[in-house]
Amino acid sequence: MPHEPRPVLRVSASATVCIVGQAPGTRVHASGVPFTDPSGDRLRDWMGIDSDTFYDESRVAIVPMGFCFPGLDAKGGDLPPRRECPPAWRAPLMAQLPRIRLMLAVGAYAQAWHLGPLARKSLTGTVAAWRDIATATDPVVVPLPHPSWRNNAWLKRNPWFETDLLPFLRDRVGRELRGD
């Protein structure tokens, strides 16, 4: 690896909501706390929860596809999760989270792994199929784009995300966290 590994995740066997992202970025690698950046602010807004709830690992697990920061590409962007991580660590870790009832698959890597054949050919196709996916999965999986500012144009091109998917997401997150 291009730097010392520093796994960044938050888990507890009591969690009922699980956020599955790509891999820690540079800020998160430095802080050791997932989503301590503007993407985290946006994700919490999408979910309709505050920071205290988001970081309560007894309720919300945060398990990226790659647990460690994978480094930067030649243009300064984050590299994708390392290929060896998911096959080595995902199944054993997910088995330790028996109460998960709602999973947020954030980004194409998480969607491909956790949805398998339910994932469409594109991130947009997968997120657009959220209703079909949510009713076909157990635990319920809701596919989301990454909450990065880089996706502002995607969000503008897909207004249904805010008008249709986010109300469902907020309601479902609220119900899971209340134990409804």
C-alpha atoms as a PDB file:
ATOM      1  CA  MET A   1       0.000   0.000   0.000  1.00  0.00           C
ATOM      2  CA  PRO A   2       1.179   3.560  -0.620  1.00  0.00           C
ATOM      3  CA  HIS A   3       0.844   4.377   3.100  1.00  0.00           C
ATOM      4  CA  GLU A   4       0.281   2.703   6.458  1.00  0.00           C
ATOM      5  CA  PRO A   5      -3.126   0.960   6.579  1.00  0.00           C
ATOM      6  CA  ARG A   6      -5.636   2.584   8.907  1.00  0.00           C
ATOM      7  CA  PRO A   7      -8.996   0.795   8.773  1.00  0.00           C
ATOM      8  CA  VAL A   8     -11.905   3.193   9.218  1.00  0.00           C
ATOM      9  CA  LEU A   9     -15.237   1.624  10.103  1.00  0.00           C
ATOM     10  CA  ARG A  10     -17.833   1.685  12.876  1.00  0.00           C
ATOM     11  CA  VAL A  11     -19.673  -1.493  13.796  1.00  0.00           C
ATOM     12  CA  SER A  12     -21.740  -3.023  16.556  1.00  0.00           C
ATOM     13  CA  ALA A  13     -23.795  -6.212  16.563  1.00  0.00           C
ATOM     14  CA  SER A  14     -26.784  -4.115  17.714  1.00  0.00           C
ATOM     15  CA  ALA A  15     -26.832  -1.788  14.666  1.00  0.00           C
ATOM     16  CA  THR A  16     -29.928  -1.986  12.460  1.00  0.00           C
ATOM     17  CA  VAL A  17     -28.809   0.462   9.747  1.00  0.00           C
ATOM     18  CA  CYS A  18     -25.629  -0.066   7.740  1.00  0.00           C
ATOM     19  CA  ILE A  19     -23.972   2.459   5.445  1.00  0.00           C
ATOM     20  CA  VAL A  20     -21.754   0.819   2.860  1.00  0.00           C
ATOM     21  CA  GLY A  21     -19.528   3.278   1.018  1.00  0.00           C
ATOM     22  CA  GLN A  22     -16.468   3.040  -1.176  1.00  0.00           C
ATOM     23  CA  ALA A  23     -13.340   3.644   0.922  1.00  0.00           C
ATOM     24  CA  PRO A  24     -12.037   6.361   3.224  1.00  0.00           C
ATOM     25  CA  GLY A  25     -10.735   9.499   1.524  1.00  0.00           C
ATOM     26  CA  THR A  26      -7.782  11.611   2.638  1.00  0.00           C
ATOM     27  CA  ARG A  27      -9.691  13.558   5.320  1.00  0.00           C
ATOM     28  CA  VAL A  28     -11.231  10.432   6.773  1.00  0.00           C
ATOM     29  CA  HIS A  29      -7.888   8.630   6.672  1.00  0.00           C
ATOM     30  CA  ALA A  30      -6.421  11.497   8.696  1.00  0.00           C
ATOM     31  CA  SER A  31      -9.300  11.713  11.201  1.00  0.00           C
ATOM     32  CA  GLY A  32     -10.012   7.992  11.550  1.00  0.00           C
ATOM     33  CA  VAL A  33     -13.742   8.792  11.607  1.00  0.00           C
ATOM     34  CA  PRO A  34     -15.930   7.994   8.561  1.00  0.00           C
ATOM     35  CA  PHE A  35     -17.690  10.762   6.669  1.00  0.00           C
ATOM     36  CA  THR A  36     -15.977  13.628   8.528  1.00  0.00           C
ATOM     37  CA  ASP A  37     -16.218  15.792   5.452  1.00  0.00           C
ATOM     38  CA  PRO A  38     -18.883  17.652   3.442  1.00  0.00           C
ATOM     39  CA  SER A  39     -20.004  14.324   1.938  1.00  0.00           C
ATOM     40  CA  GLY A  40     -20.895  13.190   5.433  1.00  0.00           C
ATOM     41  CA  ASP A  41     -22.907  16.367   6.010  1.00  0.00           C
ATOM     42  CA  ARG A  42     -24.883  15.699   2.846  1.00  0.00           C
ATOM     43  CA  LEU A  43     -25.368  12.008   3.648  1.00  0.00           C
ATOM     44  CA  ARG A  44     -26.706  12.831   7.127  1.00  0.00           C
ATOM     45  CA  ASP A  45     -29.080  15.339   5.515  1.00  0.00           C
ATOM     46  CA  TRP A  46     -30.251  12.704   3.019  1.00  0.00           C
ATOM     47  CA  MET A  47     -30.885  10.317   5.923  1.00  0.00           C
ATOM     48  CA  GLY A  48     -32.598  12.971   8.053  1.00  0.00           C
ATOM     49  CA  ILE A  49     -30.433  12.345  11.108  1.00  0.00           C
ATOM     50  CA  ASP A  50     -27.990  14.346  13.195  1.00  0.00           C
ATOM     51  CA  SER A  51     -24.307  13.621  13.833  1.00  0.00           C
ATOM     52  CA  ASP A  52     -24.900  12.044  17.235  1.00  0.00           C
ATOM     53  CA  THR A  53     -27.306   9.510  15.737  1.00  0.00           C
ATOM     54  CA  PHE A  54     -25.114   8.934  12.683  1.00  0.00           C
ATOM     55  CA  TYR A  55     -22.076   8.149  14.824  1.00  0.00           C
ATOM     56  CA  ASP A  56     -23.949   6.002  17.342  1.00  0.00           C
ATOM     57  CA  GLU A  57     -22.436   2.697  16.251  1.00  0.00           C
ATOM     58  CA  SER A  58     -24.929   0.776  18.376  1.00  0.00           C
ATOM     59  CA  ARG A  59     -27.549   1.963  15.857  1.00  0.00           C
ATOM     60  CA  VAL A  60     -25.691   2.787  12.628  1.00  0.00           C
ATOM     61  CA  ALA A  61     -22.842   0.685  11.238  1.00  0.00           C
ATOM     62  CA  ILE A  62     -20.490   2.258   8.683  1.00  0.00           C
ATOM     63  CA  VAL A  63     -18.644  -0.349   6.638  1.00  0.00           C
ATOM     64  CA  PRO A  64     -16.798   0.807   3.492  1.00  0.00           C
ATOM     65  CA  MET A  65     -15.947  -1.637   0.712  1.00  0.00           C
ATOM     66  CA  GLY A  66     -12.278  -0.936   1.324  1.00  0.00           C
ATOM     67  CA  PHE A  67     -11.551  -0.285   4.982  1.00  0.00           C
ATOM     68  CA  CYS A  68      -8.387   1.728   4.331  1.00  0.00           C
ATOM     69  CA  PHE A  69      -7.597   4.780   2.211  1.00  0.00           C
ATOM     70  CA  PRO A  70      -6.444   3.321  -1.142  1.00  0.00           C
ATOM     71  CA  GLY A  71      -4.318   6.306  -2.184  1.00  0.00           C
ATOM     72  CA  LEU A  72      -4.628   8.871  -4.959  1.00  0.00           C
ATOM     73  CA  ASP A  73      -4.539   8.462  -8.713  1.00  0.00           C
ATOM     74  CA  ALA A  74      -2.327  10.536 -11.030  1.00  0.00           C
ATOM     75  CA  LYS A  75      -4.939  13.331 -11.131  1.00  0.00           C
ATOM     76  CA  GLY A  76      -5.266  13.534  -7.342  1.00  0.00           C
ATOM     77  CA  GLY A  77      -8.563  11.654  -7.077  1.00  0.00           C
ATOM     78  CA  ASP A  78      -9.151   8.770  -4.706  1.00  0.00           C
ATOM     79  CA  LEU A  79      -8.329   5.351  -6.076  1.00  0.00           C
ATOM     80  CA  PRO A  80     -11.065   2.699  -5.969  1.00  0.00           C
ATOM     81  CA  PRO A  81     -11.120   0.251  -3.066  1.00  0.00           C
ATOM     82  CA  ARG A  82      -8.338  -2.298  -3.229  1.00  0.00           C
ATOM     83  CA  ARG A  83      -9.529  -5.511  -4.876  1.00  0.00           C
ATOM     84  CA  GLU A  84      -8.307  -7.849  -2.167  1.00  0.00           C
ATOM     85  CA  CYS A  85     -10.275  -6.187   0.649  1.00  0.00           C
ATOM     86  CA  PRO A  86     -13.908  -7.151  -0.037  1.00  0.00           C
ATOM     87  CA  PRO A  87     -13.285 -10.874  -0.667  1.00  0.00           C
ATOM     88  CA  ALA A  88     -11.095 -11.115   2.426  1.00  0.00           C
ATOM     89  CA  TRP A  89     -13.150  -9.103   4.905  1.00  0.00           C
ATOM     90  CA  ARG A  90     -16.763  -8.435   3.862  1.00  0.00           C
ATOM     91  CA  ALA A  91     -18.498 -11.747   4.548  1.00  0.00           C
ATOM     92  CA  PRO A  92     -16.919 -12.323   7.986  1.00  0.00           C
ATOM     93  CA  LEU A  93     -17.634  -8.753   9.069  1.00  0.00           C
ATOM     94  CA  MET A  94     -21.200  -8.672   7.760  1.00  0.00           C
ATOM     95  CA  ALA A  95     -21.872 -11.945   9.603  1.00  0.00           C
ATOM     96  CA  GLN A  96     -21.100 -10.033  12.812  1.00  0.00           C
ATOM     97  CA  LEU A  97     -23.950  -7.588  12.061  1.00  0.00           C
ATOM     98  CA  PRO A  98     -27.027  -9.826  12.457  1.00  0.00           C
ATOM     99  CA  ARG A  99     -29.566  -7.069  13.171  1.00  0.00           C
ATOM    100  CA  ILE A 100     -29.066  -4.993  10.014  1.00  0.00           C
ATOM    101  CA  ARG A 101     -32.480  -4.337   8.470  1.00  0.00           C
ATOM    102  CA  LEU A 102     -31.579  -1.402   6.219  1.00  0.00           C
ATOM    103  CA  MET A 103     -28.442  -1.036   4.124  1.00  0.00           C
ATOM    104  CA  LEU A 104     -27.497   2.095   2.200  1.00  0.00           C
ATOM    105  CA  ALA A 105     -25.310   1.091  -0.753  1.00  0.00           C
ATOM    106  CA  VAL A 106     -23.438   4.318  -1.509  1.00  0.00           C
ATOM    107  CA  GLY A 107     -21.787   4.268  -4.924  1.00  0.00           C
ATOM    108  CA  ALA A 108     -21.239   1.709  -7.663  1.00  0.00           C
ATOM    109  CA  TYR A 109     -18.696  -0.472  -5.819  1.00  0.00           C
ATOM    110  CA  ALA A 110     -21.026  -1.042  -2.875  1.00  0.00           C
ATOM    111  CA  GLN A 111     -23.968  -1.588  -5.192  1.00  0.00           C
ATOM    112  CA  ALA A 112     -22.164  -4.141  -7.358  1.00  0.00           C
ATOM    113  CA  TRP A 113     -21.049  -6.157  -4.317  1.00  0.00           C
ATOM    114  CA  HIS A 114     -24.241  -6.051  -2.288  1.00  0.00           C
ATOM    115  CA  LEU A 115     -26.766  -6.201  -5.113  1.00  0.00           C
ATOM    116  CA  GLY A 116     -25.105  -8.625  -7.505  1.00  0.00           C
ATOM    117  CA  PRO A 117     -27.488  -9.206 -10.420  1.00  0.00           C
ATOM    118  CA  LEU A 118     -29.935  -6.582  -9.110  1.00  0.00           C
ATOM    119  CA  ALA A 119     -27.365  -3.864  -9.899  1.00  0.00           C
ATOM    120  CA  ARG A 120     -27.921  -2.265 -13.286  1.00  0.00           C
ATOM    121  CA  LYS A 121     -25.238  -1.401 -15.832  1.00  0.00           C
ATOM    122  CA  SER A 122     -24.865   2.132 -14.510  1.00  0.00           C
ATOM    123  CA  LEU A 123     -25.087   3.838 -11.165  1.00  0.00           C
ATOM    124  CA  THR A 124     -27.979   5.922 -12.459  1.00  0.00           C
ATOM    125  CA  GLY A 125     -29.827   2.810 -13.569  1.00  0.00           C
ATOM    126  CA  THR A 126     -29.295   1.152 -10.207  1.00  0.00           C
ATOM    127  CA  VAL A 127     -30.351   4.183  -8.167  1.00  0.00           C
ATOM    128  CA  ALA A 128     -33.367   4.730 -10.450  1.00  0.00           C
ATOM    129  CA  ALA A 129     -34.456   1.137  -9.701  1.00  0.00           C
ATOM    130  CA  TRP A 130     -34.444   1.801  -5.943  1.00  0.00           C
ATOM    131  CA  ARG A 131     -38.104   0.800  -5.465  1.00  0.00           C
ATOM    132  CA  ASP A 132     -37.625  -2.603  -7.098  1.00  0.00           C
ATOM    133  CA  ILE A 133     -34.353  -3.148  -5.251  1.00  0.00           C
ATOM    134  CA  ALA A 134     -35.762  -2.149  -1.850  1.00  0.00           C
ATOM    135  CA  THR A 135     -38.632  -4.615  -2.192  1.00  0.00           C
ATOM    136  CA  ALA A 136     -36.417  -7.450  -3.475  1.00  0.00           C
ATOM    137  CA  THR A 137     -33.712  -7.381  -0.816  1.00  0.00           C
ATOM    138  CA  ASP A 138     -33.444  -8.572   2.769  1.00  0.00           C
ATOM    139  CA  PRO A 139     -32.146  -6.592   4.503  1.00  0.00           C
ATOM    140  CA  VAL A 140     -33.674  -3.726   2.518  1.00  0.00           C
ATOM    141  CA  VAL A 141     -30.992  -2.129   0.346  1.00  0.00           C
ATOM    142  CA  VAL A 142     -31.344   1.450  -0.874  1.00  0.00           C
ATOM    143  CA  PRO A 143     -28.837   2.379  -3.593  1.00  0.00           C
ATOM    144  CA  LEU A 144     -27.487   5.931  -3.429  1.00  0.00           C
ATOM    145  CA  PRO A 145     -24.984   7.990  -5.414  1.00  0.00           C
ATOM    146  CA  HIS A 146     -21.979   9.209  -3.485  1.00  0.00           C
ATOM    147  CA  PRO A 147     -22.927  12.378  -1.574  1.00  0.00           C
ATOM    148  CA  SER A 148     -19.854  14.209  -2.891  1.00  0.00           C
ATOM    149  CA  TRP A 149     -20.065  17.702  -4.394  1.00  0.00           C
ATOM    150  CA  ARG A 150     -18.760  16.016  -7.544  1.00  0.00           C
ATOM    151  CA  ASN A 151     -22.264  14.598  -7.995  1.00  0.00           C
ATOM    152  CA  ASN A 152     -24.071  17.971  -7.948  1.00  0.00           C
ATOM    153  CA  ALA A 153     -24.636  17.767 -11.711  1.00  0.00           C
ATOM    154  CA  TRP A 154     -25.990  14.202 -11.350  1.00  0.00           C
ATOM    155  CA  LEU A 155     -28.420  15.399  -8.675  1.00  0.00           C
ATOM    156  CA  LYS A 156     -29.642  18.217 -10.940  1.00  0.00           C
ATOM    157  CA  ARG A 157     -30.148  15.810 -13.856  1.00  0.00           C
ATOM    158  CA  ASN A 158     -32.113  13.409 -11.653  1.00  0.00           C
ATOM    159  CA  PRO A 159     -34.654  15.464  -9.656  1.00  0.00           C
ATOM    160  CA  TRP A 160     -36.594  12.287  -8.800  1.00  0.00           C
ATOM    161  CA  PHE A 161     -33.788  11.444  -6.384  1.00  0.00           C
ATOM    162  CA  GLU A 162     -34.756  14.339  -4.111  1.00  0.00           C
ATOM    163  CA  THR A 163     -38.512  14.225  -4.667  1.00  0.00           C
ATOM    164  CA  ASP A 164     -39.069  10.445  -4.563  1.00  0.00           C
ATOM    165  CA  LEU A 165     -36.132   8.547  -3.091  1.00  0.00           C
ATOM    166  CA  LEU A 166     -35.095  10.873  -0.246  1.00  0.00           C
ATOM    167  CA  PRO A 167     -38.532  10.963   1.443  1.00  0.00           C
ATOM    168  CA  PHE A 168     -38.578   7.147   1.362  1.00  0.00           C
ATOM    169  CA  LEU A 169     -35.026   7.014   2.702  1.00  0.00           C
ATOM    170  CA  ARG A 170     -35.719   9.426   5.567  1.00  0.00           C
ATOM    171  CA  ASP A 171     -38.882   7.573   6.521  1.00  0.00           C
ATOM    172  CA  ARG A 172     -37.189   4.159   6.421  1.00  0.00           C
ATOM    173  CA  VAL A 173     -34.127   5.332   8.375  1.00  0.00           C
ATOM    174  CA  GLY A 174     -36.395   6.889  10.996  1.00  0.00           C
ATOM    175  CA  ARG A 175     -38.472   3.728  11.323  1.00  0.00           C
ATOM    176  CA  GLU A 176     -35.407   1.503  11.669  1.00  0.00           C
ATOM    177  CA  LEU A 177     -33.810   3.737  14.274  1.00  0.00           C
ATOM    178  CA  ARG A 178     -37.058   3.881  16.282  1.00  0.00           C
ATOM    179  CA  GLY A 179     -37.461   0.108  16.005  1.00  0.00           C
ATOM    180  CA  ASP A 180     -40.800   0.345  14.143  1.00  0.00           C
END
